[in-house]
Structure formats: C-alpha cells, structure tokens
Protein backbone atom coordinates (compact mmCIF):
# COMPACT_ATOMS: atom_id res chain seq x y z
CA UNK A 1 223.96 -50.15 143.97
CA UNK A 2 220.53 -48.98 145.12
CA UNK A 3 220.68 -45.84 147.22
CA UNK A 4 219.27 -45.97 150.76
CA UNK A 5 217.32 -43.08 152.25
CA UNK A 6 215.50 -42.59 155.54
CA UNK A 7 212.59 -40.48 156.80
CA UNK A 8 210.10 -40.43 159.65
CA UNK A 9 206.66 -41.94 159.10
CA UNK A 10 204.71 -38.93 160.39
CA UNK A 11 202.01 -37.60 158.09
CA UNK A 12 203.86 -34.32 157.53
CA UNK A 13 206.68 -36.14 155.73
CA UNK A 14 204.31 -38.10 153.49
CA UNK A 15 204.38 -35.72 150.49
CA UNK A 16 208.18 -35.95 150.46
CA UNK A 17 208.29 -39.76 150.42
CA UNK A 18 205.12 -40.57 148.42
CA UNK A 19 207.08 -40.78 145.16
CA UNK A 20 209.44 -43.37 146.66
CA UNK A 21 206.58 -45.46 148.04
CA UNK A 22 204.05 -45.27 145.22
CA UNK A 23 205.20 -42.95 142.44
CA UNK A 24 207.87 -42.54 139.80
CA UNK A 25 210.71 -43.28 142.22
CA UNK A 26 209.19 -46.50 143.55
CA UNK A 27 211.83 -49.25 143.47
CA UNK A 28 214.65 -46.83 142.64
CA UNK A 29 215.77 -46.40 146.26
CA UNK A 30 215.51 -48.34 149.50
CA UNK A 31 213.42 -46.29 151.91
CA UNK A 32 213.72 -46.83 155.68
CA UNK A 33 210.97 -45.26 157.80
CA UNK A 34 210.68 -44.80 161.57
CA UNK A 35 208.30 -42.88 163.81
CA UNK A 36 211.19 -40.95 165.40
CA UNK A 37 212.86 -38.31 163.20
CA UNK A 38 215.96 -38.59 165.39
CA UNK A 39 216.38 -42.19 164.19
CA UNK A 40 216.96 -40.97 160.62
CA UNK A 41 219.66 -38.64 161.92
CA UNK A 42 221.39 -41.59 163.61
CA UNK A 43 221.34 -43.62 160.39
CA UNK A 44 222.84 -40.72 158.44
CA UNK A 45 225.54 -40.08 161.05
CA UNK A 46 226.49 -43.78 160.93
CA UNK A 47 226.68 -43.74 157.08
CA UNK A 48 223.96 -46.39 156.93
CA UNK A 49 221.94 -44.32 154.46
CA UNK A 50 222.92 -42.06 151.57
CA UNK A 51 220.47 -39.31 152.46
CA UNK A 52 217.93 -38.72 155.20
CA UNK A 53 215.11 -36.37 156.07
CA UNK A 54 216.25 -35.29 159.51
CA UNK A 55 215.59 -32.61 162.15
CA UNK A 56 217.56 -29.52 161.13
CA UNK A 57 219.54 -29.44 164.39
CA UNK A 58 221.34 -32.53 163.06
CA UNK A 59 223.07 -30.27 160.52
CA UNK A 60 225.08 -28.87 163.41
CA UNK A 61 225.93 -32.24 164.97
CA UNK A 62 226.72 -34.58 162.04
CA UNK A 63 230.19 -34.18 160.54
CA UNK A 64 230.57 -33.39 156.82
CA UNK A 65 226.83 -33.24 156.20
CA UNK A 66 225.28 -30.99 153.56
CA UNK A 67 221.74 -29.71 153.11
CA UNK A 68 219.81 -30.64 150.00
CA UNK A 69 218.39 -27.30 148.86
CA UNK A 70 214.80 -26.06 148.87
CA UNK A 71 212.98 -29.20 150.09
CA UNK A 72 211.94 -29.16 153.74
CA UNK A 73 209.26 -29.72 156.36
CA UNK A 74 208.59 -26.26 157.71
CA UNK A 75 205.99 -23.57 158.19
CA UNK A 76 205.61 -19.87 157.54
CA UNK A 77 203.66 -19.26 160.75
CA UNK A 78 201.62 -22.04 162.41
CA UNK A 79 202.49 -25.75 162.22
CA UNK A 80 199.85 -27.41 164.48
CA UNK A 81 201.90 -30.58 164.97
CA UNK A 82 204.65 -29.27 167.27
CA UNK A 83 203.02 -28.04 170.46
CA UNK A 84 203.51 -27.39 174.14
CA UNK A 85 200.46 -28.63 176.03
CA UNK A 86 199.39 -27.69 179.56
CA UNK A 87 196.41 -28.45 181.79
CA UNK A 88 195.24 -24.85 181.51
CA UNK A 89 198.46 -23.10 182.63
CA UNK A 90 200.04 -20.13 180.89
CA UNK A 91 203.61 -20.89 179.83
CA UNK A 92 204.83 -18.23 182.28
CA UNK A 93 203.53 -20.45 185.09
CA UNK A 94 205.20 -23.64 183.85
CA UNK A 95 208.01 -24.94 186.06
CA UNK A 96 208.62 -28.34 184.43
CA UNK A 97 208.35 -29.64 180.85
CA UNK A 98 208.11 -33.27 179.72
CA UNK A 99 209.97 -33.57 176.41
CA UNK A 100 209.23 -35.91 173.53
CA UNK A 101 212.85 -36.42 172.50
CA UNK A 102 212.12 -38.00 169.11
CA UNK A 103 212.89 -34.65 167.43
CA UNK A 104 215.94 -32.83 168.74
CA UNK A 105 215.04 -29.73 166.71
CA UNK A 106 211.78 -29.30 168.62
CA UNK A 107 213.47 -29.95 171.97
CA UNK A 108 216.07 -27.26 171.24
CA UNK A 109 213.33 -24.88 170.02
CA UNK A 110 211.41 -25.41 173.27
CA UNK A 111 214.48 -24.54 175.32
CA UNK A 112 215.15 -21.44 173.20
CA UNK A 113 211.57 -20.24 173.61
CA UNK A 114 211.76 -20.51 177.40
CA UNK A 115 215.29 -19.15 177.80
CA UNK A 116 215.26 -16.42 175.16
CA UNK A 117 211.63 -15.29 174.94
CA UNK A 118 209.82 -16.25 178.16
CA UNK A 119 212.88 -15.59 180.27
CA UNK A 120 213.41 -18.54 182.61
CA UNK A 121 214.46 -22.19 182.66
CA UNK A 122 212.00 -24.89 183.74
CA UNK A 123 212.99 -28.42 184.71
CA UNK A 124 213.32 -30.70 181.68
CA UNK A 125 212.07 -34.30 181.85
CA UNK A 126 212.48 -36.81 178.99
CA UNK A 127 209.26 -38.74 178.38
CA UNK A 128 207.40 -40.96 175.96
CA UNK A 129 204.85 -39.05 173.82
CA UNK A 130 201.68 -39.76 175.83
CA UNK A 131 200.08 -36.52 176.94
CA UNK A 132 198.28 -37.87 180.03
CA UNK A 133 201.40 -39.43 181.50
CA UNK A 134 203.51 -36.43 180.54
CA UNK A 135 201.19 -33.97 182.29
CA UNK A 136 201.11 -36.21 185.35
CA UNK A 137 204.86 -35.70 185.74
CA UNK A 138 205.25 -32.11 184.49
CA UNK A 139 203.42 -28.80 184.05
CA UNK A 140 203.76 -28.91 180.27
CA UNK A 141 204.35 -31.51 177.57
CA UNK A 142 206.16 -31.17 174.25
CA UNK A 143 204.39 -33.23 171.59
CA UNK A 144 205.46 -33.51 167.96
CA UNK A 145 204.07 -35.02 164.79
CA UNK A 146 200.92 -37.12 164.68
CA UNK A 147 200.61 -37.52 168.49
CA UNK A 148 200.20 -33.75 168.64
CA UNK A 149 197.50 -33.83 165.96
CA UNK A 150 195.68 -36.60 167.84
CA UNK A 151 195.21 -34.52 171.00
CA UNK A 152 191.77 -35.10 172.45
CA UNK A 153 190.05 -33.34 175.32
CA UNK A 154 188.24 -36.51 176.37
CA UNK A 155 189.66 -39.52 178.13
CA UNK A 156 189.28 -43.00 176.72
CA UNK A 157 186.31 -43.75 179.00
CA UNK A 158 184.45 -40.70 177.72
CA UNK A 159 184.64 -38.66 180.93
CA UNK A 160 185.73 -35.01 180.53
CA UNK A 161 189.35 -34.19 181.21
CA UNK A 162 190.59 -30.79 182.41
CA UNK A 163 190.70 -28.42 179.44
CA UNK A 164 194.08 -28.68 177.75
CA UNK A 165 195.82 -25.64 176.34
CA UNK A 166 197.99 -26.07 173.29
CA UNK A 167 200.75 -23.62 172.34
CA UNK A 168 202.04 -23.95 168.76
CA UNK A 169 205.85 -23.70 168.86
CA UNK A 170 206.16 -22.31 165.34
CA UNK A 171 203.53 -19.69 166.14
CA UNK A 172 205.40 -18.72 169.31
CA UNK A 173 208.60 -18.47 167.27
CA UNK A 174 206.87 -16.28 164.66
CA UNK A 175 205.35 -14.04 167.34
CA UNK A 176 208.78 -13.29 168.81
CA UNK A 177 210.87 -13.22 165.60
CA UNK A 178 208.49 -12.53 162.72
CA UNK A 179 210.11 -15.44 160.87
CA UNK A 180 209.11 -18.84 159.57
CA UNK A 181 210.64 -22.08 160.82
CA UNK A 182 212.22 -25.15 159.24
CA UNK A 183 211.86 -28.38 161.22
CA UNK A 184 213.49 -30.93 158.90
CA UNK A 185 215.45 -31.16 155.66
CA UNK A 186 216.97 -33.79 153.43
CA UNK A 187 220.71 -34.08 154.12
CA UNK A 188 223.57 -36.17 152.77
CA UNK A 189 227.22 -36.85 153.53
CA UNK A 190 227.93 -38.08 150.00
CA UNK A 191 229.93 -36.04 147.51
CA UNK A 192 226.91 -36.06 145.21
CA UNK A 193 223.28 -37.08 145.37
CA UNK A 194 221.53 -38.21 142.20
CA UNK A 195 218.00 -38.19 143.64
CA UNK A 196 215.81 -35.27 142.55
CA UNK A 197 214.10 -34.59 145.87
CA UNK A 198 212.37 -31.49 144.50
CA UNK A 199 210.65 -33.48 141.75
CA UNK A 200 209.72 -36.17 144.29
CA UNK A 201 208.16 -33.51 146.53
CA UNK A 202 206.18 -32.04 143.63
CA UNK A 203 204.81 -35.47 142.74
CA UNK A 204 203.81 -36.05 146.35
CA UNK A 205 202.01 -32.71 146.55
CA UNK A 206 199.94 -33.74 143.55
CA UNK A 207 198.59 -36.67 145.61
CA UNK A 208 197.53 -34.97 148.85
CA UNK A 209 194.09 -36.53 148.54
CA UNK A 210 195.58 -40.04 148.49
CA UNK A 211 197.88 -39.18 151.40
CA UNK A 212 195.02 -37.81 153.49
CA UNK A 213 193.10 -41.03 152.87
CA UNK A 214 196.07 -43.10 154.06
CA UNK A 215 196.43 -41.23 157.35
CA UNK A 216 192.91 -40.25 158.44
CA UNK A 217 192.22 -43.46 160.41
CA UNK A 218 195.47 -43.33 162.35
CA UNK A 219 195.31 -39.63 163.20
CA UNK A 220 191.55 -39.49 163.82
CA UNK A 221 191.08 -36.38 161.69
CA UNK A 222 188.84 -36.04 158.66
CA UNK A 223 190.17 -36.31 155.12
CA UNK A 224 189.70 -32.55 154.61
CA UNK A 225 191.39 -31.67 157.93
CA UNK A 226 194.51 -33.68 157.04
CA UNK A 227 194.63 -32.21 153.56
CA UNK A 228 194.30 -28.70 155.00
CA UNK A 229 197.10 -29.40 157.49
CA UNK A 230 199.45 -30.66 154.77
CA UNK A 231 198.64 -27.91 152.28
CA UNK A 232 198.20 -24.85 154.53
CA UNK A 233 200.18 -25.44 157.72
CA UNK A 234 203.18 -27.29 156.33
CA UNK A 235 205.49 -25.73 153.77
CA UNK A 236 207.65 -28.07 151.72
CA UNK A 237 209.76 -25.33 150.11
CA UNK A 238 211.93 -22.78 151.89
CA UNK A 239 211.18 -19.08 151.41
CA UNK A 240 213.43 -16.25 152.61
CA UNK A 241 211.63 -15.91 155.95
CA UNK A 242 212.10 -19.60 156.68
CA UNK A 243 215.77 -19.51 155.71
CA UNK A 244 216.39 -16.50 157.94
CA UNK A 245 214.46 -18.29 160.68
CA UNK A 246 216.74 -21.30 160.39
CA UNK A 247 219.85 -19.12 160.58
CA UNK A 248 218.51 -17.33 163.68
CA UNK A 249 217.54 -20.64 165.26
CA UNK A 250 221.12 -21.88 164.89
CA UNK A 251 222.48 -18.59 166.28
CA UNK A 252 220.28 -18.89 169.37
CA UNK A 253 221.03 -22.59 169.75
CA UNK A 254 224.74 -21.73 169.89
CA UNK A 255 224.10 -18.82 172.27
CA UNK A 256 222.32 -21.15 174.69
CA UNK A 257 224.91 -23.96 174.33
CA UNK A 258 222.47 -26.33 172.62
CA UNK A 259 225.05 -26.86 169.86
CA UNK A 260 228.84 -26.57 170.11
CA UNK A 261 229.17 -24.01 167.31
CA UNK A 262 227.05 -22.38 164.63
CA UNK A 263 228.11 -23.82 161.31
CA UNK A 264 227.19 -21.75 158.24
CA UNK A 265 224.63 -23.29 155.89
CA UNK A 266 226.17 -25.38 153.12
CA UNK A 267 224.12 -27.00 150.38
CA UNK A 268 224.89 -30.03 148.23
C-alpha cells in the first residue's frame, strides 16, 4: 500500500516536499497539499494520512503522535513569514488582533508573546488572511506563510497606503528568550515510518534554485529573494537552541492554558 503524507503548500515547506513531487521519492507516496497547515494536522488526527508536516502545537493535541526527528520548518532568529502587522502602532498600543487561524502554532505564539512578554491581553478576532480587511477590524493582524511575504505598502490602485509596521514573531521570541523557534515538524501516529524525511529534505535543499523559480510569480519576490529566504531565514534542521525553544514554547503554552498539558517530546 502506498503511504499517504500531507503538508502545506507554502513556499517554506517546498524543500521538504520537493523530493516527493519531483525527485527520488516521486511516485513512492501520495502527497496531499493544502494552503492551511492546520488542515494537515486534521488529516493526521483522523488517521487519513501516515505522516504529516504539521504545526508543532499539534503534538500536544493529537493522541499517540510522535515527532520525526531533526527535520522541521523553523528559524534560529528571524523567519520573515510569520508576522504581526499594524498600521504604524507599537505592539504595546494594540488592543485587538485579527488572527490567521491556518496555523495554530503561530496563533498560540502570538498569545504567548502578548501575555508573557508584553504583559496584557488584547481582543482576539479570527479572520481570513487579507491584511487590509484584517486591519480594518483590528489594531494588528497575524499573517503567516506566503501572504506575509507578499505584504505590500501600496494598494491595488497604486495609491499610497498608511505605512505598515511588521513585527517578526520569531524575532520577538528570540529577543525575549534568546532561543530559536520551530514552527512545524513531520509527525506520525504509526508504529514505524519507512520514509527517510532527512534524505528528502537534503535533496530538496539541493534544488533551491528550482524551488525559487516555481514560487517567484505567486509571491511577487525575486528569484534571489526567495532563495535567500529559504536558505537564510528558514532552518530545516533542529539545533539545540531550537529544541530548547520548542520545549519552552510548550511550557508557556501550558502555563497560559493554550494546551491542556505539556507532553514531553517523544520521537519516532
């Protein structure tokens, strides 16, 4: 039986799935892709896939799930594609936040940053990831993935908009903790997983030029800008700082009742 796996279709996951789409693993698995990372978590929780690249918060909410070691979507300091955006306000002056709920990890991180580091609780409003509409209903907007990279300071008719301020969530996390951050990992509920996700990642990283070419039209960034983002901002392997950051993130998520309990990391 062909194994089924799932991942989001954002550009930052592309090096991890390139092998399954075009490389040595093409045809060996069935790959399901969706723009919302949370959708992959749902498929894994429902046992509709054998493994999925999901927001790390799902580790605490899906029963009997295990982490596949080393491979991740994370950053050592600045991620660029997970941001809080305001119309010029400092975060200390934000009283409401429109949340793109397609990644539960980023939503929980936003709440931790306000509650733990900034020191107050704004109003939370679920919203579709369109920055203009989000800022019309709230003081700040959480944007993740490619919509965050597409941010423009000009409206579609070419007239200037108010200057937008963008606050990188991973950079805020690093400023307050000194640690890196892991946004997503491969996970499975199976007793074993025969796919070599590390080798698939390495093959994908060898084709960053091809990946940048595939995404530059949709994201409206240059080939070199996308390649720089994937190679310098995103880390696809976990170092000690990122692992410690993930453990602290889960501790704080439990402290602020964003998860029921803090389950120790277990790897397949």
